[in-house]
Each structure stands twice: as C-alpha cells, then as structure tokens.
Amino acid sequence: MEQHNQKPMTDKEILKAFHRYRKAELECSVVRPVFTLKKELALLIAGSIVLSTVMIVSVHFHNCFSGVQLAAILTAAVVLFIRSQSKNLLLLLIFLYQRFAPASVRSVCLFTPSCSEYMRLSVLKYGVCRGCVKGLRRLRKCHPPNGGIDEP
C-alpha cells in the first residue's frame, strides 16, 4: 500500500486556494448580469413626482386642513410611496452593486448564480419581503464548505 507523506491542508490554505482558483476563473470571464432599470427608474421617478405633488398641494392648502389631517395625508403619501417603490429601490441598489463593485469583492461568492443575482431573482420572483429573506439566507450560507448551483 502506498502512503502519502503530504501534510494535509489547513482551512486557511484551502480557502486561499479556492479564492485563487475562483479569481482566475472570474478573470477569464467576468459575467455581469445584463438587465436595465428603465422601467424601474421610470416608476421611481413617477412615484417621486406624485409624492412631491401631494406634499406641495397639502402644504399649499394647509389652511383647509387641521394639523392632524395634514400629518395624516403626508404620512399616507410617504407610506404609499415607500410601499410602491421598495422593489424598485432594492433592484436599483443591487444593480449598482453588480455594476460597480470591484471584482475582488464579487469573486468571493461560492454559488452560481452569484449571491447578488440570486437576491435580484428572488425579489423579482417572490416580492420584496420574501425575496430579501431568501437572499439573506443565501448570504449567510456563502462560505466554505457550501457552494455550488442554487436557483431561487
């Protein structure tokens, strides 16, 4: 029987080798997801315009409303804006990360698709709350010995 006299690798050495391999793999083909935010940005701008209009109108006609009514109108407008635009805001943040994060940060992901792409797909498929929960669970798992292909 042949015995190997090679010393076993430590966890740090395994991680370093993996990151070296992953970095070389990404340098060969850096895949940035291709999607545009034209629709999301248009909805975000439209929502901002509506919110601004409601605020301007309510402040302009503040003599017609009591302080409580004015506060209720403004609070409702802000809550509706946040509720309607949270998905677009989150997708915008993910897009900015994917577009401008350095390769050294993006290359440490162990999964396919990457964690940011998984979060984007989850938000699109399940909505903001459930998609964020799924994406954050995935981020918690993004360390050795986990990894591989994982679709939302």
N, C-alpha and C. Protein backbone atom coordinates (compact mmCIF):
# COMPACT_ATOMS: atom_id res chain seq x y z
N MET A 1 0.83 -1.18 0.00
CA MET A 1 0.00 0.00 0.00
C MET A 1 0.88 1.25 0.00
N GLU A 2 0.52 2.18 -0.84
CA GLU A 2 1.31 3.39 -0.95
C GLU A 2 0.77 4.46 0.01
N GLN A 3 1.65 5.06 0.77
CA GLN A 3 1.25 6.10 1.71
C GLN A 3 1.75 7.45 1.20
N HIS A 4 0.93 8.44 1.39
CA HIS A 4 1.31 9.81 1.01
C HIS A 4 1.88 10.50 2.23
N ASN A 5 3.01 11.11 2.06
CA ASN A 5 3.65 11.84 3.16
C ASN A 5 3.32 13.33 3.07
N GLN A 6 2.31 13.66 2.29
CA GLN A 6 1.92 15.05 2.15
C GLN A 6 1.16 15.51 3.39
N LYS A 7 1.50 16.70 3.86
CA LYS A 7 0.82 17.27 5.02
C LYS A 7 -0.56 17.76 4.60
N PRO A 8 -1.62 17.46 5.37
CA PRO A 8 -2.96 17.93 4.99
C PRO A 8 -3.03 19.46 5.03
N MET A 9 -3.86 20.00 4.15
CA MET A 9 -4.01 21.46 4.06
C MET A 9 -4.86 21.97 5.21
N THR A 10 -4.51 23.13 5.69
CA THR A 10 -5.31 23.76 6.73
C THR A 10 -6.50 24.46 6.07
N ASP A 11 -7.46 24.87 6.89
CA ASP A 11 -8.64 25.57 6.36
C ASP A 11 -8.24 26.86 5.63
N LYS A 12 -7.27 27.57 6.19
CA LYS A 12 -6.82 28.82 5.55
C LYS A 12 -6.22 28.54 4.18
N GLU A 13 -5.43 27.48 4.08
CA GLU A 13 -4.81 27.14 2.80
C GLU A 13 -5.87 26.71 1.78
N ILE A 14 -6.88 25.99 2.24
CA ILE A 14 -7.96 25.57 1.34
C ILE A 14 -8.71 26.79 0.82
N LEU A 15 -9.04 27.74 1.73
CA LEU A 15 -9.74 28.96 1.32
C LEU A 15 -8.90 29.78 0.35
N LYS A 16 -7.60 29.89 0.65
CA LYS A 16 -6.72 30.67 -0.22
C LYS A 16 -6.65 30.04 -1.61
N ALA A 17 -6.55 28.71 -1.67
CA ALA A 17 -6.50 28.02 -2.96
C ALA A 17 -7.82 28.20 -3.72
N PHE A 18 -8.92 28.11 -2.98
CA PHE A 18 -10.22 28.28 -3.62
C PHE A 18 -10.37 29.68 -4.19
N HIS A 19 -10.01 30.69 -3.40
CA HIS A 19 -10.14 32.08 -3.86
C HIS A 19 -9.22 32.34 -5.05
N ARG A 20 -8.04 31.75 -5.04
CA ARG A 20 -7.12 31.89 -6.16
C ARG A 20 -7.76 31.29 -7.43
N TYR A 21 -8.34 30.10 -7.27
CA TYR A 21 -9.00 29.43 -8.39
C TYR A 21 -10.20 30.24 -8.88
N ARG A 22 -11.01 30.71 -7.92
CA ARG A 22 -12.22 31.46 -8.27
C ARG A 22 -11.86 32.78 -8.96
N LYS A 23 -10.80 33.45 -8.47
CA LYS A 23 -10.38 34.72 -9.06
C LYS A 23 -9.91 34.50 -10.49
N ALA A 24 -9.13 33.45 -10.71
CA ALA A 24 -8.65 33.15 -12.06
C ALA A 24 -9.83 32.82 -12.98
N GLU A 25 -10.80 32.09 -12.45
CA GLU A 25 -11.98 31.73 -13.22
C GLU A 25 -12.77 32.98 -13.62
N LEU A 26 -12.93 33.92 -12.68
CA LEU A 26 -13.68 35.14 -12.97
C LEU A 26 -12.93 36.07 -13.90
N GLU A 27 -11.60 36.08 -13.80
CA GLU A 27 -10.84 36.95 -14.69
C GLU A 27 -10.97 36.48 -16.13
N CYS A 28 -11.14 35.16 -16.31
CA CYS A 28 -11.33 34.64 -17.66
C CYS A 28 -12.66 35.10 -18.23
N SER A 29 -13.67 35.11 -17.40
CA SER A 29 -14.99 35.51 -17.89
C SER A 29 -15.77 36.19 -16.77
N VAL A 30 -15.61 37.49 -16.67
CA VAL A 30 -16.38 38.25 -15.70
C VAL A 30 -17.77 38.42 -16.27
N VAL A 31 -18.74 37.82 -15.61
CA VAL A 31 -20.10 37.86 -16.10
C VAL A 31 -20.88 38.86 -15.26
N ARG A 32 -21.22 39.95 -15.89
CA ARG A 32 -22.07 40.93 -15.24
C ARG A 32 -23.47 40.73 -15.79
N PRO A 33 -24.43 40.59 -14.92
CA PRO A 33 -25.78 40.39 -15.42
C PRO A 33 -26.23 41.56 -16.28
N VAL A 34 -26.90 41.25 -17.35
CA VAL A 34 -27.35 42.29 -18.25
C VAL A 34 -28.85 42.49 -18.03
N PHE A 35 -29.17 43.57 -17.39
CA PHE A 35 -30.56 43.97 -17.28
C PHE A 35 -30.58 45.47 -17.09
N THR A 36 -31.63 46.06 -17.57
CA THR A 36 -31.73 47.51 -17.48
C THR A 36 -32.78 47.87 -16.45
N LEU A 37 -32.68 49.06 -15.99
CA LEU A 37 -33.61 49.54 -14.98
C LEU A 37 -34.49 50.65 -15.53
N LYS A 38 -34.72 50.66 -16.82
CA LYS A 38 -35.51 51.73 -17.42
C LYS A 38 -36.91 51.78 -16.81
N LYS A 39 -37.56 50.63 -16.74
CA LYS A 39 -38.92 50.59 -16.20
C LYS A 39 -38.91 50.95 -14.72
N GLU A 40 -37.97 50.37 -13.95
CA GLU A 40 -37.91 50.64 -12.52
C GLU A 40 -37.60 52.11 -12.23
N LEU A 41 -36.66 52.68 -13.00
CA LEU A 41 -36.34 54.10 -12.81
C LEU A 41 -37.51 55.00 -13.19
N ALA A 42 -38.20 54.64 -14.26
CA ALA A 42 -39.37 55.43 -14.66
C ALA A 42 -40.44 55.40 -13.57
N LEU A 43 -40.69 54.22 -13.00
CA LEU A 43 -41.68 54.12 -11.92
C LEU A 43 -41.22 54.88 -10.68
N LEU A 44 -39.94 54.81 -10.38
CA LEU A 44 -39.40 55.52 -9.23
C LEU A 44 -39.55 57.04 -9.41
N ILE A 45 -39.25 57.52 -10.59
CA ILE A 45 -39.39 58.95 -10.87
C ILE A 45 -40.86 59.36 -10.82
N ALA A 46 -41.73 58.55 -11.41
CA ALA A 46 -43.16 58.87 -11.39
C ALA A 46 -43.68 58.89 -9.95
N GLY A 47 -43.29 57.92 -9.15
CA GLY A 47 -43.70 57.90 -7.74
C GLY A 47 -43.19 59.12 -6.98
N SER A 48 -41.95 59.52 -7.27
CA SER A 48 -41.39 60.71 -6.63
C SER A 48 -42.16 61.96 -7.01
N ILE A 49 -42.54 62.04 -8.27
CA ILE A 49 -43.31 63.21 -8.73
C ILE A 49 -44.68 63.25 -8.04
N VAL A 50 -45.33 62.10 -7.95
CA VAL A 50 -46.64 62.05 -7.28
C VAL A 50 -46.50 62.44 -5.81
N LEU A 51 -45.49 61.89 -5.14
CA LEU A 51 -45.27 62.22 -3.72
C LEU A 51 -45.00 63.71 -3.55
N SER A 52 -44.14 64.26 -4.40
CA SER A 52 -43.84 65.70 -4.32
C SER A 52 -45.09 66.55 -4.55
N THR A 53 -45.90 66.13 -5.52
CA THR A 53 -47.13 66.87 -5.82
C THR A 53 -48.09 66.85 -4.64
N VAL A 54 -48.25 65.68 -4.03
CA VAL A 54 -49.14 65.57 -2.85
C VAL A 54 -48.62 66.46 -1.73
N MET A 55 -47.32 66.45 -1.51
CA MET A 55 -46.75 67.27 -0.44
C MET A 55 -46.92 68.76 -0.73
N ILE A 56 -46.67 69.16 -1.96
CA ILE A 56 -46.81 70.58 -2.31
C ILE A 56 -48.26 71.03 -2.19
N VAL A 57 -49.17 70.23 -2.71
CA VAL A 57 -50.59 70.59 -2.64
C VAL A 57 -51.06 70.66 -1.20
N SER A 58 -50.67 69.68 -0.38
CA SER A 58 -51.12 69.69 1.01
C SER A 58 -50.52 70.86 1.79
N VAL A 59 -49.28 71.22 1.50
CA VAL A 59 -48.68 72.37 2.19
C VAL A 59 -49.31 73.67 1.69
N HIS A 60 -49.60 73.73 0.40
CA HIS A 60 -50.19 74.94 -0.17
C HIS A 60 -51.61 75.18 0.41
N PHE A 61 -52.34 74.09 0.60
CA PHE A 61 -53.70 74.21 1.14
C PHE A 61 -53.75 73.87 2.63
N HIS A 62 -52.70 74.19 3.35
CA HIS A 62 -52.64 73.84 4.78
C HIS A 62 -53.72 74.56 5.59
N ASN A 63 -54.24 75.67 5.07
CA ASN A 63 -55.31 76.38 5.79
C ASN A 63 -56.61 75.57 5.77
N CYS A 64 -56.78 74.72 4.75
CA CYS A 64 -58.01 73.92 4.63
C CYS A 64 -58.00 72.71 5.55
N PHE A 65 -56.83 72.29 5.98
CA PHE A 65 -56.70 71.09 6.80
C PHE A 65 -56.23 71.44 8.20
N SER A 66 -56.64 70.62 9.16
CA SER A 66 -56.08 70.78 10.51
C SER A 66 -54.70 70.13 10.51
N GLY A 67 -53.95 70.34 11.57
CA GLY A 67 -52.61 69.77 11.68
C GLY A 67 -52.61 68.25 11.62
N VAL A 68 -53.61 67.62 12.25
CA VAL A 68 -53.70 66.16 12.27
C VAL A 68 -54.02 65.64 10.87
N GLN A 69 -54.94 66.30 10.18
CA GLN A 69 -55.30 65.87 8.82
C GLN A 69 -54.11 66.01 7.87
N LEU A 70 -53.39 67.12 7.99
CA LEU A 70 -52.23 67.34 7.16
C LEU A 70 -51.16 66.29 7.42
N ALA A 71 -50.91 65.99 8.69
CA ALA A 71 -49.93 64.95 9.04
C ALA A 71 -50.37 63.59 8.52
N ALA A 72 -51.66 63.29 8.60
CA ALA A 72 -52.17 62.01 8.10
C ALA A 72 -52.00 61.90 6.59
N ILE A 73 -52.28 62.97 5.88
CA ILE A 73 -52.14 62.96 4.42
C ILE A 73 -50.68 62.76 4.02
N LEU A 74 -49.78 63.51 4.65
CA LEU A 74 -48.36 63.38 4.32
C LEU A 74 -47.82 62.00 4.69
N THR A 75 -48.22 61.48 5.85
CA THR A 75 -47.78 60.15 6.27
C THR A 75 -48.28 59.09 5.30
N ALA A 76 -49.54 59.19 4.91
CA ALA A 76 -50.10 58.22 3.95
C ALA A 76 -49.37 58.29 2.62
N ALA A 77 -49.04 59.49 2.16
CA ALA A 77 -48.33 59.64 0.89
C ALA A 77 -46.94 59.02 0.96
N VAL A 78 -46.24 59.26 2.05
CA VAL A 78 -44.89 58.69 2.22
C VAL A 78 -44.96 57.17 2.32
N VAL A 79 -45.89 56.64 3.10
CA VAL A 79 -46.02 55.18 3.26
C VAL A 79 -46.37 54.53 1.93
N LEU A 80 -47.29 55.12 1.18
CA LEU A 80 -47.65 54.57 -0.13
C LEU A 80 -46.47 54.62 -1.10
N PHE A 81 -45.70 55.69 -1.04
CA PHE A 81 -44.52 55.79 -1.90
C PHE A 81 -43.51 54.70 -1.57
N ILE A 82 -43.22 54.53 -0.29
CA ILE A 82 -42.25 53.51 0.12
C ILE A 82 -42.77 52.12 -0.24
N ARG A 83 -44.04 51.90 -0.01
CA ARG A 83 -44.63 50.58 -0.31
C ARG A 83 -44.58 50.28 -1.80
N SER A 84 -44.89 51.27 -2.62
CA SER A 84 -44.93 51.03 -4.06
C SER A 84 -43.55 51.00 -4.70
N GLN A 85 -42.57 51.67 -4.11
CA GLN A 85 -41.27 51.79 -4.74
C GLN A 85 -40.17 50.98 -4.07
N SER A 86 -40.47 50.22 -3.02
CA SER A 86 -39.42 49.48 -2.32
C SER A 86 -38.74 48.47 -3.24
N LYS A 87 -39.51 47.81 -4.08
CA LYS A 87 -38.93 46.83 -5.00
C LYS A 87 -37.97 47.52 -5.97
N ASN A 88 -38.39 48.66 -6.50
CA ASN A 88 -37.54 49.39 -7.44
C ASN A 88 -36.27 49.91 -6.77
N LEU A 89 -36.40 50.40 -5.56
CA LEU A 89 -35.22 50.88 -4.82
C LEU A 89 -34.24 49.74 -4.56
N LEU A 90 -34.76 48.60 -4.14
CA LEU A 90 -33.90 47.44 -3.85
C LEU A 90 -33.21 46.95 -5.13
N LEU A 91 -33.96 46.87 -6.23
CA LEU A 91 -33.36 46.46 -7.50
C LEU A 91 -32.30 47.45 -7.97
N LEU A 92 -32.52 48.73 -7.71
CA LEU A 92 -31.53 49.74 -8.07
C LEU A 92 -30.25 49.54 -7.26
N LEU A 93 -30.38 49.28 -5.97
CA LEU A 93 -29.19 49.05 -5.13
C LEU A 93 -28.42 47.81 -5.58
N ILE A 94 -29.15 46.74 -5.91
CA ILE A 94 -28.49 45.52 -6.38
C ILE A 94 -27.78 45.78 -7.71
N PHE A 95 -28.45 46.52 -8.60
CA PHE A 95 -27.85 46.86 -9.89
C PHE A 95 -26.56 47.66 -9.69
N LEU A 96 -26.58 48.64 -8.80
CA LEU A 96 -25.39 49.45 -8.56
C LEU A 96 -24.25 48.60 -7.99
N TYR A 97 -24.58 47.67 -7.09
CA TYR A 97 -23.56 46.78 -6.55
C TYR A 97 -22.96 45.93 -7.66
N GLN A 98 -23.81 45.32 -8.48
CA GLN A 98 -23.32 44.45 -9.54
C GLN A 98 -22.51 45.21 -10.58
N ARG A 99 -22.87 46.44 -10.79
CA ARG A 99 -22.21 47.23 -11.83
C ARG A 99 -20.88 47.81 -11.36
N PHE A 100 -20.81 48.23 -10.10
CA PHE A 100 -19.64 49.00 -9.66
C PHE A 100 -18.80 48.33 -8.57
N ALA A 101 -19.21 47.21 -8.02
CA ALA A 101 -18.39 46.54 -7.01
C ALA A 101 -17.13 45.98 -7.67
N PRO A 102 -16.00 46.08 -7.00
CA PRO A 102 -14.76 45.57 -7.61
C PRO A 102 -14.79 44.04 -7.75
N ALA A 103 -14.04 43.55 -8.71
CA ALA A 103 -14.01 42.10 -8.98
C ALA A 103 -13.52 41.32 -7.76
N SER A 104 -12.65 41.92 -6.96
CA SER A 104 -12.14 41.22 -5.77
C SER A 104 -13.25 40.95 -4.76
N VAL A 105 -14.25 41.80 -4.72
CA VAL A 105 -15.39 41.59 -3.81
C VAL A 105 -16.35 40.58 -4.40
N ARG A 106 -16.63 40.70 -5.70
CA ARG A 106 -17.58 39.81 -6.35
C ARG A 106 -17.05 38.39 -6.50
N SER A 107 -15.73 38.23 -6.56
CA SER A 107 -15.16 36.92 -6.86
C SER A 107 -15.20 35.95 -5.68
N VAL A 108 -15.56 36.41 -4.51
CA VAL A 108 -15.56 35.51 -3.36
C VAL A 108 -16.83 34.70 -3.23
N CYS A 109 -17.84 34.97 -4.05
CA CYS A 109 -19.09 34.22 -3.98
C CYS A 109 -18.85 32.78 -4.42
N LEU A 110 -19.41 31.84 -3.65
CA LEU A 110 -19.19 30.42 -3.89
C LEU A 110 -20.29 29.79 -4.73
N PHE A 111 -21.34 30.51 -5.01
CA PHE A 111 -22.52 29.93 -5.65
C PHE A 111 -22.66 30.38 -7.09
N THR A 112 -23.46 29.63 -7.82
CA THR A 112 -23.89 30.00 -9.16
C THR A 112 -25.40 29.93 -9.17
N PRO A 113 -26.14 30.96 -9.47
CA PRO A 113 -25.73 32.34 -9.74
C PRO A 113 -25.16 33.00 -8.49
N SER A 114 -24.50 34.11 -8.69
CA SER A 114 -23.89 34.82 -7.56
C SER A 114 -24.95 35.26 -6.57
N CYS A 115 -24.54 35.59 -5.37
CA CYS A 115 -25.49 35.95 -4.32
C CYS A 115 -26.30 37.19 -4.68
N SER A 116 -25.68 38.17 -5.32
CA SER A 116 -26.43 39.38 -5.69
C SER A 116 -27.45 39.06 -6.79
N GLU A 117 -27.07 38.21 -7.73
CA GLU A 117 -28.02 37.83 -8.78
C GLU A 117 -29.15 36.99 -8.20
N TYR A 118 -28.82 36.14 -7.22
CA TYR A 118 -29.84 35.34 -6.53
C TYR A 118 -30.84 36.26 -5.82
N MET A 119 -30.32 37.29 -5.15
CA MET A 119 -31.18 38.24 -4.45
C MET A 119 -32.09 38.95 -5.45
N ARG A 120 -31.54 39.38 -6.58
CA ARG A 120 -32.33 40.07 -7.60
C ARG A 120 -33.43 39.16 -8.14
N LEU A 121 -33.07 37.91 -8.45
CA LEU A 121 -34.06 36.97 -8.96
C LEU A 121 -35.14 36.66 -7.92
N SER A 122 -34.73 36.54 -6.66
CA SER A 122 -35.69 36.27 -5.58
C SER A 122 -36.66 37.43 -5.40
N VAL A 123 -36.15 38.64 -5.45
CA VAL A 123 -37.02 39.82 -5.29
C VAL A 123 -38.00 39.89 -6.46
N LEU A 124 -37.53 39.61 -7.66
CA LEU A 124 -38.43 39.64 -8.81
C LEU A 124 -39.47 38.53 -8.75
N LYS A 125 -39.07 37.36 -8.26
CA LYS A 125 -39.98 36.21 -8.25
C LYS A 125 -40.94 36.22 -7.07
N TYR A 126 -40.45 36.56 -5.88
CA TYR A 126 -41.24 36.43 -4.65
C TYR A 126 -41.68 37.75 -4.04
N GLY A 127 -41.18 38.88 -4.53
CA GLY A 127 -41.51 40.15 -3.91
C GLY A 127 -40.41 40.58 -2.95
N VAL A 128 -40.57 41.76 -2.38
CA VAL A 128 -39.51 42.35 -1.58
C VAL A 128 -39.26 41.57 -0.28
N CYS A 129 -40.30 41.34 0.51
CA CYS A 129 -40.11 40.72 1.83
C CYS A 129 -39.57 39.30 1.72
N ARG A 130 -40.29 38.45 1.00
CA ARG A 130 -39.88 37.06 0.90
C ARG A 130 -38.57 36.93 0.11
N GLY A 131 -38.39 37.73 -0.92
CA GLY A 131 -37.16 37.71 -1.71
C GLY A 131 -35.95 38.12 -0.89
N CYS A 132 -36.11 39.14 -0.03
CA CYS A 132 -35.00 39.57 0.84
C CYS A 132 -34.65 38.48 1.84
N VAL A 133 -35.66 37.84 2.40
CA VAL A 133 -35.40 36.77 3.37
C VAL A 133 -34.61 35.65 2.69
N LYS A 134 -35.04 35.24 1.50
CA LYS A 134 -34.34 34.19 0.77
C LYS A 134 -32.91 34.62 0.42
N GLY A 135 -32.74 35.87 -0.01
CA GLY A 135 -31.42 36.37 -0.36
C GLY A 135 -30.49 36.46 0.85
N LEU A 136 -31.01 36.90 1.99
CA LEU A 136 -30.19 37.00 3.20
C LEU A 136 -29.81 35.61 3.72
N ARG A 137 -30.71 34.65 3.60
CA ARG A 137 -30.36 33.27 3.98
C ARG A 137 -29.23 32.76 3.10
N ARG A 138 -29.29 33.09 1.84
CA ARG A 138 -28.25 32.67 0.91
C ARG A 138 -26.92 33.32 1.27
N LEU A 139 -26.95 34.60 1.62
CA LEU A 139 -25.71 35.29 2.01
C LEU A 139 -25.10 34.67 3.26
N ARG A 140 -25.94 34.22 4.18
CA ARG A 140 -25.43 33.57 5.39
C ARG A 140 -24.71 32.27 5.06
N LYS A 141 -25.11 31.61 3.98
CA LYS A 141 -24.51 30.33 3.60
C LYS A 141 -23.28 30.50 2.72
N CYS A 142 -22.97 31.70 2.31
CA CYS A 142 -21.91 31.92 1.32
C CYS A 142 -20.52 31.88 1.97
N HIS A 143 -20.14 30.70 2.39
CA HIS A 143 -18.81 30.45 2.93
C HIS A 143 -18.54 28.95 2.80
N PRO A 144 -17.27 28.54 2.78
CA PRO A 144 -16.97 27.11 2.68
C PRO A 144 -17.57 26.36 3.87
N PRO A 145 -17.99 25.16 3.76
CA PRO A 145 -17.93 24.22 2.65
C PRO A 145 -19.13 24.31 1.72
N ASN A 146 -19.98 25.31 1.85
CA ASN A 146 -21.15 25.46 0.99
C ASN A 146 -20.72 25.91 -0.40
N GLY A 147 -21.65 25.96 -1.31
CA GLY A 147 -21.36 26.44 -2.66
C GLY A 147 -22.06 25.57 -3.68
N GLY A 148 -21.90 25.93 -4.93
CA GLY A 148 -22.49 25.15 -6.00
C GLY A 148 -23.60 25.93 -6.69
N ILE A 149 -24.46 25.18 -7.35
CA ILE A 149 -25.57 25.77 -8.09
C ILE A 149 -26.79 25.81 -7.20
N ASP A 150 -27.41 26.97 -7.11
CA ASP A 150 -28.57 27.15 -6.24
C ASP A 150 -29.49 28.18 -6.88
N GLU A 151 -30.62 27.74 -7.38
CA GLU A 151 -31.57 28.65 -8.02
C GLU A 151 -32.63 29.07 -7.02
N PRO A 152 -33.15 30.32 -7.13
CA PRO A 152 -34.19 30.76 -6.19
C PRO A 152 -35.51 30.04 -6.40
